[in-house]
Amino acid sequence: MTRLGDLERAVMDVLWDRGAGAGATVREVAEALRDRELAYTTVMTVLDRLAGKGMVEREREGRAWRYRPAASREAHIARLMLDALDLAGSRDAALVRFARSVTGTEAEVLRAALDEEAGDTPATAGPVATDRPPVVKRQV
């Protein structure tokens, strides 16, 4: 997964905040980032590079391009987290350390997601508080 620079992240935040279906033209992104005082061509170059990296998709809209995120912000962050795990000497140790660092509410969300993945609870059940430690599943 591609790590984003500061300006790339700001551009992606504009697109993610607009919603996956809406997208934006270069002009609309430049307007949303007007406090940064960026040249139109700078925003155009960043969007073109993001398209080249597969981060955004674009389609013609008249004479302009409309850019949309190729994946959700959450999917991007999840990919970054998985990439970070790949850097760990021990994925298991990194996962355990991460699990011990989350808040109680975050642990409940993780636990419910893992239970749902394992088929232990229906998808509509939502987070369930238990006294057991977080379960860490590893794909081989």
N, C-alpha and C. Protein backbone atom coordinates (compact mmCIF):
# COMPACT_ATOMS: atom_id res chain seq x y z
N MET A 1 0.86 -1.18 0.00
CA MET A 1 0.00 0.00 0.00
C MET A 1 0.88 1.22 0.00
N THR A 2 0.44 2.20 -0.68
CA THR A 2 1.18 3.44 -0.82
C THR A 2 1.00 4.32 0.40
N ARG A 3 2.11 4.74 0.97
CA ARG A 3 2.06 5.74 2.04
C ARG A 3 1.91 7.09 1.37
N LEU A 4 1.14 7.94 2.00
CA LEU A 4 0.85 9.24 1.41
C LEU A 4 1.68 10.33 2.06
N GLY A 5 2.14 11.26 1.22
CA GLY A 5 2.79 12.45 1.73
C GLY A 5 1.74 13.40 2.30
N ASP A 6 2.18 14.49 2.91
CA ASP A 6 1.27 15.44 3.56
C ASP A 6 0.25 16.01 2.57
N LEU A 7 0.70 16.45 1.42
CA LEU A 7 -0.21 17.04 0.44
C LEU A 7 -1.12 15.98 -0.17
N GLU A 8 -0.58 14.80 -0.45
CA GLU A 8 -1.41 13.72 -0.98
C GLU A 8 -2.51 13.36 0.03
N ARG A 9 -2.15 13.32 1.30
CA ARG A 9 -3.13 13.00 2.34
C ARG A 9 -4.21 14.06 2.39
N ALA A 10 -3.83 15.33 2.30
CA ALA A 10 -4.81 16.42 2.32
C ALA A 10 -5.77 16.30 1.14
N VAL A 11 -5.25 15.98 -0.04
CA VAL A 11 -6.09 15.81 -1.22
C VAL A 11 -7.03 14.61 -1.04
N MET A 12 -6.49 13.50 -0.53
CA MET A 12 -7.32 12.32 -0.30
C MET A 12 -8.39 12.61 0.75
N ASP A 13 -8.05 13.39 1.78
CA ASP A 13 -9.05 13.74 2.80
C ASP A 13 -10.22 14.50 2.18
N VAL A 14 -9.92 15.39 1.23
CA VAL A 14 -10.99 16.12 0.54
C VAL A 14 -11.90 15.11 -0.17
N LEU A 15 -11.31 14.18 -0.90
CA LEU A 15 -12.10 13.20 -1.65
C LEU A 15 -12.87 12.28 -0.71
N TRP A 16 -12.21 11.78 0.34
CA TRP A 16 -12.89 10.89 1.28
C TRP A 16 -14.03 11.62 1.99
N ASP A 17 -13.82 12.88 2.36
CA ASP A 17 -14.86 13.64 3.06
C ASP A 17 -16.08 13.90 2.19
N ARG A 18 -15.89 13.96 0.88
CA ARG A 18 -17.00 14.18 -0.05
C ARG A 18 -17.82 12.91 -0.25
N GLY A 19 -17.27 11.78 0.06
CA GLY A 19 -17.96 10.52 -0.15
C GLY A 19 -17.51 9.86 -1.43
N ALA A 20 -17.53 8.55 -1.45
CA ALA A 20 -17.01 7.77 -2.57
C ALA A 20 -17.70 8.09 -3.89
N GLY A 21 -18.99 8.30 -3.86
CA GLY A 21 -19.73 8.51 -5.10
C GLY A 21 -19.59 9.91 -5.67
N ALA A 22 -19.32 10.89 -4.83
CA ALA A 22 -19.32 12.28 -5.28
C ALA A 22 -18.08 12.61 -6.11
N GLY A 23 -16.93 12.37 -5.57
CA GLY A 23 -15.71 12.74 -6.26
C GLY A 23 -15.57 14.25 -6.36
N ALA A 24 -14.53 14.69 -7.05
CA ALA A 24 -14.27 16.12 -7.19
C ALA A 24 -13.37 16.36 -8.39
N THR A 25 -13.51 17.54 -8.95
CA THR A 25 -12.61 17.98 -10.02
C THR A 25 -11.39 18.61 -9.38
N VAL A 26 -10.37 18.87 -10.19
CA VAL A 26 -9.17 19.54 -9.69
C VAL A 26 -9.56 20.87 -9.06
N ARG A 27 -10.39 21.61 -9.75
CA ARG A 27 -10.81 22.93 -9.24
C ARG A 27 -11.50 22.81 -7.88
N GLU A 28 -12.36 21.82 -7.72
CA GLU A 28 -13.08 21.63 -6.46
C GLU A 28 -12.12 21.26 -5.33
N VAL A 29 -11.13 20.42 -5.62
CA VAL A 29 -10.14 20.06 -4.61
C VAL A 29 -9.30 21.29 -4.25
N ALA A 30 -8.87 22.04 -5.26
CA ALA A 30 -8.07 23.24 -5.01
C ALA A 30 -8.85 24.23 -4.15
N GLU A 31 -10.14 24.37 -4.42
CA GLU A 31 -10.99 25.27 -3.62
C GLU A 31 -11.09 24.79 -2.18
N ALA A 32 -11.24 23.49 -1.99
CA ALA A 32 -11.33 22.93 -0.64
C ALA A 32 -10.03 23.12 0.14
N LEU A 33 -8.92 23.22 -0.58
CA LEU A 33 -7.60 23.40 0.05
C LEU A 33 -7.09 24.83 -0.08
N ARG A 34 -7.99 25.78 -0.27
CA ARG A 34 -7.59 27.17 -0.54
C ARG A 34 -6.72 27.76 0.56
N ASP A 35 -6.88 27.31 1.81
CA ASP A 35 -6.05 27.83 2.90
C ASP A 35 -4.57 27.47 2.72
N ARG A 36 -4.28 26.48 1.91
CA ARG A 36 -2.89 26.11 1.63
C ARG A 36 -2.28 26.94 0.50
N GLU A 37 -3.12 27.69 -0.20
CA GLU A 37 -2.66 28.55 -1.30
C GLU A 37 -1.86 27.78 -2.35
N LEU A 38 -2.46 26.69 -2.83
CA LEU A 38 -1.82 25.84 -3.82
C LEU A 38 -2.20 26.29 -5.23
N ALA A 39 -1.27 26.18 -6.13
CA ALA A 39 -1.57 26.44 -7.54
C ALA A 39 -2.45 25.31 -8.08
N TYR A 40 -3.31 25.66 -9.01
CA TYR A 40 -4.18 24.69 -9.67
C TYR A 40 -3.34 23.54 -10.23
N THR A 41 -2.22 23.88 -10.86
CA THR A 41 -1.38 22.85 -11.48
C THR A 41 -0.75 21.92 -10.44
N THR A 42 -0.51 22.42 -9.25
CA THR A 42 0.02 21.57 -8.17
C THR A 42 -1.01 20.52 -7.79
N VAL A 43 -2.26 20.95 -7.61
CA VAL A 43 -3.33 20.02 -7.25
C VAL A 43 -3.54 19.02 -8.39
N MET A 44 -3.49 19.49 -9.63
CA MET A 44 -3.65 18.61 -10.78
C MET A 44 -2.54 17.55 -10.80
N THR A 45 -1.31 17.95 -10.52
CA THR A 45 -0.19 17.01 -10.51
C THR A 45 -0.36 15.98 -9.40
N VAL A 46 -0.78 16.41 -8.22
CA VAL A 46 -0.97 15.48 -7.10
C VAL A 46 -2.06 14.47 -7.45
N LEU A 47 -3.17 14.93 -8.01
CA LEU A 47 -4.24 14.01 -8.39
C LEU A 47 -3.80 13.05 -9.49
N ASP A 48 -3.02 13.54 -10.44
CA ASP A 48 -2.51 12.68 -11.50
C ASP A 48 -1.59 11.60 -10.91
N ARG A 49 -0.75 11.98 -9.98
CA ARG A 49 0.14 10.99 -9.34
C ARG A 49 -0.64 9.99 -8.49
N LEU A 50 -1.68 10.48 -7.79
CA LEU A 50 -2.52 9.56 -7.02
C LEU A 50 -3.24 8.57 -7.93
N ALA A 51 -3.63 9.02 -9.11
CA ALA A 51 -4.24 8.12 -10.09
C ALA A 51 -3.22 7.07 -10.54
N GLY A 52 -1.99 7.50 -10.76
CA GLY A 52 -0.93 6.58 -11.16
C GLY A 52 -0.61 5.55 -10.10
N LYS A 53 -0.80 5.92 -8.83
CA LYS A 53 -0.55 5.01 -7.71
C LYS A 53 -1.75 4.11 -7.42
N GLY A 54 -2.85 4.35 -8.13
CA GLY A 54 -4.05 3.55 -7.91
C GLY A 54 -4.88 4.00 -6.72
N MET A 55 -4.58 5.17 -6.18
CA MET A 55 -5.31 5.67 -5.02
C MET A 55 -6.64 6.31 -5.42
N VAL A 56 -6.69 6.86 -6.63
CA VAL A 56 -7.94 7.48 -7.11
C VAL A 56 -8.26 6.94 -8.49
N GLU A 57 -9.53 7.00 -8.81
CA GLU A 57 -10.00 6.67 -10.16
C GLU A 57 -10.52 7.97 -10.75
N ARG A 58 -10.43 8.10 -12.04
CA ARG A 58 -10.92 9.32 -12.66
C ARG A 58 -11.72 9.00 -13.90
N GLU A 59 -12.66 9.90 -14.17
CA GLU A 59 -13.46 9.77 -15.39
C GLU A 59 -13.71 11.17 -15.94
N ARG A 60 -13.84 11.22 -17.23
CA ARG A 60 -14.06 12.50 -17.91
C ARG A 60 -15.42 13.06 -17.55
N GLU A 61 -15.42 14.34 -17.31
CA GLU A 61 -16.67 15.07 -17.08
C GLU A 61 -16.55 16.37 -17.86
N GLY A 62 -17.03 16.35 -19.08
CA GLY A 62 -16.82 17.49 -19.97
C GLY A 62 -15.35 17.57 -20.33
N ARG A 63 -14.75 18.72 -20.09
CA ARG A 63 -13.32 18.89 -20.38
C ARG A 63 -12.44 18.58 -19.18
N ALA A 64 -13.06 18.31 -18.04
CA ALA A 64 -12.30 18.06 -16.81
C ALA A 64 -12.37 16.59 -16.42
N TRP A 65 -11.54 16.22 -15.46
CA TRP A 65 -11.59 14.89 -14.87
C TRP A 65 -12.29 14.99 -13.53
N ARG A 66 -13.07 13.98 -13.19
CA ARG A 66 -13.65 13.86 -11.84
C ARG A 66 -12.92 12.71 -11.17
N TYR A 67 -12.37 12.99 -10.00
CA TYR A 67 -11.57 12.02 -9.25
C TYR A 67 -12.37 11.46 -8.08
N ARG A 68 -12.28 10.15 -7.88
CA ARG A 68 -12.92 9.47 -6.76
C ARG A 68 -11.91 8.56 -6.09
N PRO A 69 -12.02 8.40 -4.77
CA PRO A 69 -11.12 7.47 -4.09
C PRO A 69 -11.31 6.05 -4.61
N ALA A 70 -10.23 5.33 -4.80
CA ALA A 70 -10.31 3.94 -5.25
C ALA A 70 -10.74 3.03 -4.11
N ALA A 71 -10.51 3.45 -2.88
CA ALA A 71 -10.89 2.68 -1.69
C ALA A 71 -11.27 3.66 -0.59
N SER A 72 -12.00 3.18 0.38
CA SER A 72 -12.40 4.03 1.49
C SER A 72 -11.20 4.38 2.37
N ARG A 73 -11.36 5.41 3.16
CA ARG A 73 -10.31 5.80 4.12
C ARG A 73 -10.02 4.63 5.06
N GLU A 74 -11.08 3.95 5.50
CA GLU A 74 -10.90 2.84 6.43
C GLU A 74 -10.13 1.68 5.79
N ALA A 75 -10.42 1.40 4.52
CA ALA A 75 -9.69 0.35 3.82
C ALA A 75 -8.22 0.73 3.66
N HIS A 76 -7.95 1.99 3.39
CA HIS A 76 -6.57 2.46 3.26
C HIS A 76 -5.82 2.32 4.58
N ILE A 77 -6.45 2.75 5.67
CA ILE A 77 -5.81 2.66 6.99
C ILE A 77 -5.58 1.21 7.38
N ALA A 78 -6.56 0.35 7.11
CA ALA A 78 -6.39 -1.07 7.41
C ALA A 78 -5.21 -1.66 6.65
N ARG A 79 -5.05 -1.26 5.39
CA ARG A 79 -3.92 -1.75 4.59
C ARG A 79 -2.59 -1.26 5.18
N LEU A 80 -2.56 0.00 5.62
CA LEU A 80 -1.35 0.53 6.26
C LEU A 80 -1.01 -0.25 7.53
N MET A 81 -2.04 -0.60 8.29
CA MET A 81 -1.81 -1.36 9.51
C MET A 81 -1.25 -2.75 9.19
N LEU A 82 -1.79 -3.37 8.17
CA LEU A 82 -1.28 -4.69 7.77
C LEU A 82 0.16 -4.58 7.25
N ASP A 83 0.44 -3.52 6.51
CA ASP A 83 1.81 -3.31 6.03
C ASP A 83 2.76 -3.10 7.20
N ALA A 84 2.31 -2.37 8.23
CA ALA A 84 3.14 -2.16 9.41
C ALA A 84 3.41 -3.48 10.12
N LEU A 85 2.42 -4.36 10.17
CA LEU A 85 2.62 -5.68 10.77
C LEU A 85 3.68 -6.48 10.03
N ASP A 86 3.73 -6.30 8.71
CA ASP A 86 4.74 -7.00 7.92
C ASP A 86 6.16 -6.56 8.28
N LEU A 87 6.29 -5.37 8.84
CA LEU A 87 7.60 -4.86 9.24
C LEU A 87 8.05 -5.39 10.60
N ALA A 88 7.11 -5.92 11.36
CA ALA A 88 7.42 -6.40 12.71
C ALA A 88 8.25 -7.67 12.65
N GLY A 89 9.14 -7.81 13.61
CA GLY A 89 9.90 -9.06 13.72
C GLY A 89 8.96 -10.21 14.00
N SER A 90 7.94 -9.95 14.82
CA SER A 90 6.94 -10.95 15.15
C SER A 90 5.57 -10.31 15.02
N ARG A 91 4.80 -10.77 14.04
CA ARG A 91 3.44 -10.25 13.87
C ARG A 91 2.61 -10.50 15.12
N ASP A 92 2.77 -11.69 15.71
CA ASP A 92 1.99 -12.03 16.90
C ASP A 92 2.29 -11.05 18.04
N ALA A 93 3.57 -10.78 18.27
CA ALA A 93 3.94 -9.87 19.35
C ALA A 93 3.41 -8.46 19.09
N ALA A 94 3.48 -8.03 17.85
CA ALA A 94 2.97 -6.70 17.50
C ALA A 94 1.45 -6.64 17.69
N LEU A 95 0.74 -7.69 17.29
CA LEU A 95 -0.70 -7.73 17.46
C LEU A 95 -1.09 -7.72 18.94
N VAL A 96 -0.38 -8.49 19.76
CA VAL A 96 -0.68 -8.52 21.18
C VAL A 96 -0.43 -7.15 21.80
N ARG A 97 0.68 -6.53 21.44
CA ARG A 97 0.98 -5.19 21.96
C ARG A 97 -0.10 -4.19 21.54
N PHE A 98 -0.53 -4.28 20.28
CA PHE A 98 -1.60 -3.41 19.80
C PHE A 98 -2.88 -3.66 20.58
N ALA A 99 -3.27 -4.93 20.75
CA ALA A 99 -4.50 -5.28 21.46
C ALA A 99 -4.48 -4.74 22.89
N ARG A 100 -3.33 -4.74 23.51
CA ARG A 100 -3.22 -4.23 24.89
C ARG A 100 -3.25 -2.71 24.96
N SER A 101 -3.08 -2.05 23.81
CA SER A 101 -3.02 -0.58 23.81
C SER A 101 -4.36 0.08 23.49
N VAL A 102 -5.34 -0.69 23.04
CA VAL A 102 -6.62 -0.09 22.66
C VAL A 102 -7.49 0.14 23.88
N THR A 103 -8.45 1.06 23.74
CA THR A 103 -9.39 1.35 24.81
C THR A 103 -10.38 0.20 24.95
N GLY A 104 -11.15 0.22 26.02
CA GLY A 104 -12.15 -0.82 26.23
C GLY A 104 -13.17 -0.88 25.12
N THR A 105 -13.63 0.27 24.66
CA THR A 105 -14.60 0.32 23.58
C THR A 105 -14.00 -0.22 22.28
N GLU A 106 -12.76 0.18 22.00
CA GLU A 106 -12.09 -0.32 20.79
C GLU A 106 -11.90 -1.83 20.87
N ALA A 107 -11.58 -2.34 22.06
CA ALA A 107 -11.42 -3.78 22.23
C ALA A 107 -12.75 -4.50 21.98
N GLU A 108 -13.86 -3.91 22.42
CA GLU A 108 -15.17 -4.51 22.17
C GLU A 108 -15.47 -4.57 20.67
N VAL A 109 -15.12 -3.51 19.96
CA VAL A 109 -15.34 -3.48 18.51
C VAL A 109 -14.51 -4.57 17.83
N LEU A 110 -13.24 -4.67 18.22
CA LEU A 110 -12.37 -5.71 17.66
C LEU A 110 -12.89 -7.10 17.99
N ARG A 111 -13.28 -7.29 19.23
CA ARG A 111 -13.78 -8.60 19.66
C ARG A 111 -15.02 -8.99 18.86
N ALA A 112 -15.94 -8.03 18.69
CA ALA A 112 -17.16 -8.32 17.94
C ALA A 112 -16.84 -8.64 16.48
N ALA A 113 -15.90 -7.91 15.90
CA ALA A 113 -15.51 -8.17 14.50
C ALA A 113 -14.88 -9.55 14.37
N LEU A 114 -14.04 -9.93 15.31
CA LEU A 114 -13.41 -11.25 15.27
C LEU A 114 -14.45 -12.35 15.49
N ASP A 115 -15.38 -12.12 16.41
CA ASP A 115 -16.44 -13.11 16.63
C ASP A 115 -17.29 -13.27 15.38
N GLU A 116 -17.62 -12.14 14.73
CA GLU A 116 -18.42 -12.19 13.50
C GLU A 116 -17.66 -12.95 12.41
N GLU A 117 -16.38 -12.69 12.29
CA GLU A 117 -15.55 -13.37 11.29
C GLU A 117 -15.52 -14.87 11.54
N ALA A 118 -15.50 -15.24 12.84
CA ALA A 118 -15.45 -16.66 13.21
C ALA A 118 -16.84 -17.30 13.15
N GLY A 119 -17.88 -16.48 12.93
CA GLY A 119 -19.24 -17.01 12.87
C GLY A 119 -19.88 -17.19 14.22
N ASP A 120 -19.30 -16.58 15.27
CA ASP A 120 -19.83 -16.75 16.62
C ASP A 120 -21.04 -15.88 16.91
N THR A 121 -21.16 -14.75 16.20
CA THR A 121 -22.29 -13.86 16.44
C THR A 121 -22.84 -13.38 15.11
N PRO A 122 -24.11 -13.07 15.05
CA PRO A 122 -24.67 -12.55 13.80
C PRO A 122 -24.13 -11.16 13.51
N ALA A 123 -24.15 -10.77 12.24
CA ALA A 123 -23.59 -9.49 11.81
C ALA A 123 -24.29 -8.31 12.46
N THR A 124 -25.55 -8.46 12.87
CA THR A 124 -26.30 -7.34 13.43
C THR A 124 -26.16 -7.24 14.94
N ALA A 125 -25.40 -8.12 15.58
CA ALA A 125 -25.34 -8.15 17.03
C ALA A 125 -24.62 -6.94 17.61
N GLY A 126 -23.61 -6.42 16.95
CA GLY A 126 -22.87 -5.27 17.47
C GLY A 126 -21.87 -5.70 18.52
N PRO A 127 -21.13 -4.74 19.12
CA PRO A 127 -20.11 -5.06 20.11
C PRO A 127 -20.71 -5.73 21.34
N VAL A 128 -19.99 -6.71 21.85
CA VAL A 128 -20.42 -7.43 23.04
C VAL A 128 -19.27 -7.40 24.03
N ALA A 129 -19.55 -6.95 25.26
CA ALA A 129 -18.52 -6.89 26.28
C ALA A 129 -18.38 -8.26 26.93
N THR A 130 -17.14 -8.74 27.06
CA THR A 130 -16.86 -9.99 27.75
C THR A 130 -15.62 -9.80 28.59
N ASP A 131 -15.35 -10.77 29.46
CA ASP A 131 -14.17 -10.70 30.31
C ASP A 131 -12.97 -11.41 29.71
N ARG A 132 -13.14 -12.01 28.54
CA ARG A 132 -12.04 -12.76 27.95
C ARG A 132 -11.08 -11.81 27.21
N PRO A 133 -9.81 -12.21 27.09
CA PRO A 133 -8.85 -11.36 26.37
C PRO A 133 -9.16 -11.37 24.89
N PRO A 134 -8.67 -10.35 24.17
CA PRO A 134 -8.91 -10.31 22.73
C PRO A 134 -8.35 -11.52 22.02
N VAL A 135 -9.09 -12.00 21.04
CA VAL A 135 -8.65 -13.13 20.21
C VAL A 135 -7.90 -12.56 19.01
N VAL A 136 -6.74 -13.12 18.74
CA VAL A 136 -5.95 -12.66 17.60
C VAL A 136 -5.90 -13.78 16.57
N LYS A 137 -6.52 -13.53 15.39
CA LYS A 137 -6.50 -14.52 14.31
C LYS A 137 -5.41 -14.16 13.35
N ARG A 138 -4.75 -15.14 12.84
CA ARG A 138 -3.66 -14.90 11.88
C ARG A 138 -3.92 -15.71 10.63
N GLN A 139 -3.87 -15.02 9.48
CA GLN A 139 -4.01 -15.74 8.22
C GLN A 139 -2.66 -16.29 7.81
N VAL A 140 -2.67 -17.51 7.35
CA VAL A 140 -1.41 -18.15 6.96
C VAL A 140 -1.32 -18.23 5.47
